[in-house]
Amino acid sequence: TKVDQNSWQIIKEDADYLVLGFKFDQASLVKSNNFLADCKGQAYINLKTGKLERSEILNEKPLKIKILNLKSLDMDSSLIYDEATKNYLVEKTSLTMLVSLMGQQVETQEINEYSYR
């Protein structure tokens, strides 16, 4: 999955962070993640370190993923930069969804933490 290079925009900038908004390149999406076409992303860059620290993906309209009808989707990832490999690694992800099931709305949250030691 790739970012649409023409979609980058500055959302917010303060003394600590630059927040950039983006959309996904629809041509790069596959069946399992084509719902990302209806989402927007935000990248949080620490201005003191120059490193990406966090990314967030939010839906812009209700989504249907397999059998789920999602009113809202918020996937937040905390990242760390590994100097040895020059790569960003996911430290923690938090996925919060408001799902409609049999006429009821249910909020679900899944949190994953990763260790690379």
N, C-alpha and C. Protein backbone atom coordinates (compact mmCIF):
# COMPACT_ATOMS: atom_id res chain seq x y z
N THR A 1 0.84 -1.18 0.00
CA THR A 1 0.00 0.00 0.00
C THR A 1 0.89 1.24 0.00
N LYS A 2 0.56 2.16 -0.88
CA LYS A 2 1.36 3.37 -1.01
C LYS A 2 0.51 4.61 -0.73
N VAL A 3 1.20 5.68 -0.36
CA VAL A 3 0.54 6.97 -0.14
C VAL A 3 0.44 7.69 -1.48
N ASP A 4 -0.70 8.32 -1.72
CA ASP A 4 -0.87 9.18 -2.90
C ASP A 4 0.00 10.41 -2.69
N GLN A 5 1.05 10.54 -3.47
CA GLN A 5 2.03 11.62 -3.28
C GLN A 5 1.41 13.01 -3.47
N ASN A 6 0.30 13.10 -4.19
CA ASN A 6 -0.37 14.38 -4.40
C ASN A 6 -1.32 14.75 -3.26
N SER A 7 -1.46 13.87 -2.28
CA SER A 7 -2.43 14.10 -1.20
C SER A 7 -1.81 14.74 0.05
N TRP A 8 -0.49 14.83 0.13
CA TRP A 8 0.14 15.37 1.33
C TRP A 8 -0.30 16.81 1.59
N GLN A 9 -0.62 17.10 2.85
CA GLN A 9 -0.96 18.46 3.24
C GLN A 9 -0.60 18.67 4.70
N ILE A 10 -0.29 19.91 5.05
CA ILE A 10 0.01 20.23 6.44
C ILE A 10 -1.31 20.42 7.18
N ILE A 11 -1.49 19.63 8.23
CA ILE A 11 -2.70 19.71 9.06
C ILE A 11 -2.47 20.69 10.21
N LYS A 12 -1.28 20.58 10.83
CA LYS A 12 -1.00 21.39 12.01
C LYS A 12 0.51 21.43 12.22
N GLU A 13 0.98 22.56 12.71
CA GLU A 13 2.38 22.67 13.09
C GLU A 13 2.48 23.53 14.33
N ASP A 14 3.20 23.03 15.33
CA ASP A 14 3.47 23.83 16.52
C ASP A 14 4.95 23.68 16.85
N ALA A 15 5.35 24.07 18.04
CA ALA A 15 6.77 24.04 18.40
C ALA A 15 7.32 22.62 18.48
N ASP A 16 6.45 21.63 18.71
CA ASP A 16 6.91 20.26 18.90
C ASP A 16 6.68 19.32 17.72
N TYR A 17 5.54 19.49 17.04
CA TYR A 17 5.16 18.52 16.01
C TYR A 17 4.68 19.17 14.71
N LEU A 18 4.95 18.46 13.64
CA LEU A 18 4.38 18.74 12.33
C LEU A 18 3.45 17.58 12.03
N VAL A 19 2.18 17.87 11.77
CA VAL A 19 1.21 16.83 11.46
C VAL A 19 0.84 16.95 9.98
N LEU A 20 1.11 15.88 9.24
CA LEU A 20 0.83 15.85 7.81
C LEU A 20 -0.34 14.92 7.53
N GLY A 21 -1.25 15.35 6.67
CA GLY A 21 -2.36 14.52 6.26
C GLY A 21 -2.06 13.88 4.92
N PHE A 22 -2.64 12.70 4.70
CA PHE A 22 -2.44 12.00 3.43
C PHE A 22 -3.60 11.05 3.15
N LYS A 23 -3.68 10.63 1.92
CA LYS A 23 -4.64 9.60 1.46
C LYS A 23 -3.83 8.48 0.82
N PHE A 24 -4.43 7.34 0.69
CA PHE A 24 -3.75 6.21 0.07
C PHE A 24 -3.96 6.21 -1.44
N ASP A 25 -2.95 5.73 -2.16
CA ASP A 25 -3.02 5.57 -3.61
C ASP A 25 -3.94 4.40 -3.90
N GLN A 26 -5.09 4.68 -4.49
CA GLN A 26 -6.08 3.64 -4.71
C GLN A 26 -5.57 2.52 -5.61
N ALA A 27 -4.67 2.83 -6.53
CA ALA A 27 -4.14 1.81 -7.43
C ALA A 27 -3.27 0.80 -6.68
N SER A 28 -2.77 1.16 -5.50
CA SER A 28 -1.91 0.26 -4.74
C SER A 28 -2.68 -0.62 -3.76
N LEU A 29 -3.97 -0.37 -3.61
CA LEU A 29 -4.78 -1.14 -2.67
C LEU A 29 -5.18 -2.48 -3.27
N VAL A 30 -5.27 -3.48 -2.41
CA VAL A 30 -5.71 -4.82 -2.82
C VAL A 30 -7.03 -5.13 -2.12
N LYS A 31 -7.62 -6.25 -2.44
CA LYS A 31 -8.94 -6.59 -1.92
C LYS A 31 -9.00 -6.53 -0.38
N SER A 32 -7.96 -7.02 0.27
CA SER A 32 -7.99 -7.08 1.74
C SER A 32 -7.87 -5.71 2.42
N ASN A 33 -7.39 -4.69 1.71
CA ASN A 33 -7.29 -3.37 2.34
C ASN A 33 -7.91 -2.26 1.51
N ASN A 34 -8.82 -2.62 0.59
CA ASN A 34 -9.42 -1.59 -0.26
C ASN A 34 -10.30 -0.61 0.51
N PHE A 35 -10.66 -0.93 1.75
CA PHE A 35 -11.42 0.00 2.59
C PHE A 35 -10.60 1.26 2.89
N LEU A 36 -9.27 1.18 2.75
CA LEU A 36 -8.42 2.34 3.00
C LEU A 36 -8.67 3.48 2.01
N ALA A 37 -9.33 3.20 0.91
CA ALA A 37 -9.69 4.25 -0.05
C ALA A 37 -10.63 5.27 0.60
N ASP A 38 -11.37 4.85 1.62
CA ASP A 38 -12.31 5.72 2.32
C ASP A 38 -11.76 6.21 3.66
N CYS A 39 -10.44 6.19 3.79
CA CYS A 39 -9.78 6.64 5.01
C CYS A 39 -8.77 7.74 4.71
N LYS A 40 -8.42 8.45 5.75
CA LYS A 40 -7.35 9.44 5.64
C LYS A 40 -6.33 9.12 6.72
N GLY A 41 -5.09 9.52 6.46
CA GLY A 41 -4.04 9.27 7.42
C GLY A 41 -3.42 10.56 7.91
N GLN A 42 -2.79 10.46 9.07
CA GLN A 42 -2.05 11.59 9.61
C GLN A 42 -0.71 11.06 10.12
N ALA A 43 0.36 11.78 9.79
CA ALA A 43 1.70 11.43 10.24
C ALA A 43 2.19 12.52 11.19
N TYR A 44 2.68 12.11 12.34
CA TYR A 44 3.14 13.04 13.38
C TYR A 44 4.66 13.00 13.44
N ILE A 45 5.29 14.10 13.06
CA ILE A 45 6.74 14.19 13.02
C ILE A 45 7.21 15.08 14.15
N ASN A 46 8.11 14.56 14.97
CA ASN A 46 8.70 15.32 16.07
C ASN A 46 9.70 16.30 15.47
N LEU A 47 9.47 17.59 15.65
CA LEU A 47 10.34 18.59 15.05
C LEU A 47 11.70 18.70 15.73
N LYS A 48 11.79 18.25 16.97
CA LYS A 48 13.10 18.28 17.66
C LYS A 48 14.02 17.18 17.15
N THR A 49 13.46 15.99 16.87
CA THR A 49 14.27 14.86 16.42
C THR A 49 14.23 14.68 14.91
N GLY A 50 13.20 15.23 14.27
CA GLY A 50 13.03 15.03 12.83
C GLY A 50 12.50 13.65 12.48
N LYS A 51 12.04 12.91 13.47
CA LYS A 51 11.59 11.52 13.26
C LYS A 51 10.06 11.41 13.31
N LEU A 52 9.55 10.48 12.53
CA LEU A 52 8.13 10.12 12.57
C LEU A 52 7.89 9.35 13.86
N GLU A 53 6.94 9.79 14.68
CA GLU A 53 6.67 9.13 15.96
C GLU A 53 5.33 8.41 16.00
N ARG A 54 4.41 8.83 15.13
CA ARG A 54 3.06 8.29 15.24
C ARG A 54 2.36 8.42 13.90
N SER A 55 1.51 7.46 13.60
CA SER A 55 0.62 7.60 12.45
C SER A 55 -0.78 7.18 12.88
N GLU A 56 -1.75 7.79 12.24
CA GLU A 56 -3.14 7.52 12.59
C GLU A 56 -3.94 7.41 11.30
N ILE A 57 -4.85 6.43 11.26
CA ILE A 57 -5.73 6.25 10.11
C ILE A 57 -7.16 6.33 10.62
N LEU A 58 -7.95 7.21 9.99
CA LEU A 58 -9.35 7.45 10.38
C LEU A 58 -10.25 7.28 9.16
N ASN A 59 -11.42 6.71 9.36
CA ASN A 59 -12.34 6.61 8.23
C ASN A 59 -13.03 7.96 7.98
N GLU A 60 -13.35 8.21 6.71
CA GLU A 60 -14.04 9.45 6.34
C GLU A 60 -15.53 9.22 6.15
N LYS A 61 -15.93 7.97 6.00
CA LYS A 61 -17.35 7.62 5.91
C LYS A 61 -17.50 6.19 6.43
N PRO A 62 -18.72 5.75 6.72
CA PRO A 62 -18.90 4.38 7.23
C PRO A 62 -18.28 3.36 6.28
N LEU A 63 -17.73 2.30 6.87
CA LEU A 63 -17.02 1.28 6.10
C LEU A 63 -17.70 -0.08 6.24
N LYS A 64 -17.54 -0.90 5.22
CA LYS A 64 -17.95 -2.30 5.30
C LYS A 64 -16.71 -3.13 5.03
N ILE A 65 -16.30 -3.88 6.05
CA ILE A 65 -15.14 -4.76 5.93
C ILE A 65 -15.63 -6.17 6.21
N LYS A 66 -15.65 -6.98 5.16
CA LYS A 66 -16.21 -8.33 5.21
C LYS A 66 -17.64 -8.24 5.76
N ILE A 67 -17.92 -8.82 6.93
CA ILE A 67 -19.29 -8.79 7.46
C ILE A 67 -19.53 -7.63 8.42
N LEU A 68 -18.49 -6.84 8.69
CA LEU A 68 -18.61 -5.75 9.66
C LEU A 68 -19.02 -4.43 9.00
N ASN A 69 -19.94 -3.74 9.63
CA ASN A 69 -20.29 -2.38 9.25
C ASN A 69 -19.72 -1.46 10.31
N LEU A 70 -18.73 -0.66 9.91
CA LEU A 70 -18.04 0.20 10.85
C LEU A 70 -18.51 1.64 10.73
N LYS A 71 -18.97 2.19 11.82
CA LYS A 71 -19.32 3.61 11.87
C LYS A 71 -18.05 4.44 11.98
N SER A 72 -17.10 3.94 12.78
CA SER A 72 -15.84 4.66 12.91
C SER A 72 -14.69 3.67 13.06
N LEU A 73 -13.55 4.10 12.56
CA LEU A 73 -12.32 3.33 12.62
C LEU A 73 -11.20 4.29 12.97
N ASP A 74 -10.42 3.97 13.97
CA ASP A 74 -9.27 4.78 14.38
C ASP A 74 -8.13 3.83 14.69
N MET A 75 -7.13 3.81 13.80
CA MET A 75 -5.97 2.96 14.00
C MET A 75 -4.76 3.87 14.25
N ASP A 76 -4.23 3.79 15.45
CA ASP A 76 -3.16 4.66 15.90
C ASP A 76 -1.92 3.81 16.14
N SER A 77 -0.80 4.17 15.51
CA SER A 77 0.44 3.41 15.66
C SER A 77 1.55 4.32 16.19
N SER A 78 2.22 3.85 17.25
CA SER A 78 3.40 4.53 17.77
C SER A 78 4.61 3.87 17.14
N LEU A 79 5.56 4.70 16.68
CA LEU A 79 6.72 4.17 15.96
C LEU A 79 8.01 4.56 16.65
N ILE A 80 9.02 3.72 16.48
CA ILE A 80 10.36 4.06 16.94
C ILE A 80 11.30 3.89 15.75
N TYR A 81 12.35 4.66 15.75
CA TYR A 81 13.33 4.58 14.66
C TYR A 81 14.53 3.78 15.14
N ASP A 82 14.85 2.72 14.41
CA ASP A 82 15.99 1.87 14.73
C ASP A 82 17.21 2.39 13.97
N GLU A 83 18.13 2.99 14.70
CA GLU A 83 19.32 3.56 14.07
C GLU A 83 20.16 2.50 13.36
N ALA A 84 20.21 1.29 13.92
CA ALA A 84 21.05 0.24 13.35
C ALA A 84 20.58 -0.17 11.95
N THR A 85 19.26 -0.31 11.78
CA THR A 85 18.74 -0.76 10.49
C THR A 85 18.21 0.39 9.63
N LYS A 86 18.13 1.59 10.24
CA LYS A 86 17.59 2.77 9.54
C LYS A 86 16.14 2.54 9.08
N ASN A 87 15.38 1.88 9.95
CA ASN A 87 13.97 1.59 9.67
C ASN A 87 13.10 2.01 10.84
N TYR A 88 11.85 2.32 10.53
CA TYR A 88 10.86 2.57 11.58
C TYR A 88 10.23 1.24 11.96
N LEU A 89 10.04 1.05 13.26
CA LEU A 89 9.42 -0.15 13.79
C LEU A 89 8.17 0.25 14.56
N VAL A 90 7.14 -0.57 14.45
CA VAL A 90 5.90 -0.31 15.20
C VAL A 90 6.12 -0.74 16.65
N GLU A 91 5.90 0.20 17.55
CA GLU A 91 6.06 -0.07 18.98
C GLU A 91 4.72 -0.48 19.60
N LYS A 92 3.64 0.16 19.15
CA LYS A 92 2.32 -0.11 19.71
C LYS A 92 1.26 0.28 18.69
N THR A 93 0.21 -0.51 18.59
CA THR A 93 -0.94 -0.14 17.77
C THR A 93 -2.20 -0.21 18.63
N SER A 94 -3.08 0.72 18.37
CA SER A 94 -4.37 0.75 19.03
C SER A 94 -5.43 0.89 17.94
N LEU A 95 -6.32 -0.08 17.87
CA LEU A 95 -7.39 -0.08 16.88
C LEU A 95 -8.72 0.03 17.62
N THR A 96 -9.43 1.12 17.36
CA THR A 96 -10.74 1.34 17.98
C THR A 96 -11.78 1.41 16.87
N MET A 97 -12.85 0.61 17.01
CA MET A 97 -13.90 0.57 15.99
C MET A 97 -15.26 0.67 16.66
N LEU A 98 -16.15 1.41 16.02
CA LEU A 98 -17.55 1.43 16.42
C LEU A 98 -18.28 0.60 15.37
N VAL A 99 -18.74 -0.58 15.78
CA VAL A 99 -19.28 -1.58 14.87
C VAL A 99 -20.79 -1.70 15.07
N SER A 100 -21.52 -1.84 13.98
CA SER A 100 -22.96 -2.12 14.06
C SER A 100 -23.16 -3.62 13.90
N LEU A 101 -23.72 -4.24 14.95
CA LEU A 101 -24.00 -5.67 14.94
C LEU A 101 -25.46 -5.88 15.32
N MET A 102 -26.22 -6.45 14.42
CA MET A 102 -27.63 -6.76 14.67
C MET A 102 -28.38 -5.57 15.27
N GLY A 103 -28.16 -4.39 14.69
CA GLY A 103 -28.86 -3.19 15.11
C GLY A 103 -28.28 -2.50 16.33
N GLN A 104 -27.29 -3.08 16.94
CA GLN A 104 -26.64 -2.49 18.11
C GLN A 104 -25.26 -1.96 17.73
N GLN A 105 -24.86 -0.85 18.33
CA GLN A 105 -23.52 -0.33 18.12
C GLN A 105 -22.63 -0.77 19.27
N VAL A 106 -21.50 -1.34 18.90
CA VAL A 106 -20.56 -1.88 19.88
C VAL A 106 -19.19 -1.28 19.61
N GLU A 107 -18.55 -0.74 20.65
CA GLU A 107 -17.19 -0.24 20.48
C GLU A 107 -16.22 -1.34 20.88
N THR A 108 -15.28 -1.60 19.98
CA THR A 108 -14.25 -2.59 20.27
C THR A 108 -12.89 -1.91 20.20
N GLN A 109 -11.97 -2.41 21.00
CA GLN A 109 -10.62 -1.86 20.98
C GLN A 109 -9.64 -3.01 21.09
N GLU A 110 -8.62 -2.94 20.25
CA GLU A 110 -7.55 -3.93 20.27
C GLU A 110 -6.23 -3.17 20.39
N ILE A 111 -5.42 -3.55 21.36
CA ILE A 111 -4.13 -2.90 21.56
C ILE A 111 -3.04 -3.96 21.46
N ASN A 112 -2.04 -3.69 20.65
CA ASN A 112 -0.90 -4.59 20.49
C ASN A 112 0.38 -3.82 20.79
N GLU A 113 1.24 -4.41 21.62
CA GLU A 113 2.53 -3.83 21.91
C GLU A 113 3.60 -4.79 21.43
N TYR A 114 4.68 -4.24 20.86
CA TYR A 114 5.72 -5.05 20.25
C TYR A 114 7.07 -4.78 20.92
N SER A 115 7.89 -5.82 20.99
CA SER A 115 9.22 -5.70 21.55
C SER A 115 10.21 -6.26 20.54
N TYR A 116 11.35 -5.57 20.37
CA TYR A 116 12.35 -5.99 19.39
C TYR A 116 13.68 -6.32 20.06
N ARG A 117 13.64 -6.73 21.29
CA ARG A 117 14.89 -7.02 22.02
C ARG A 117 15.26 -8.46 21.97
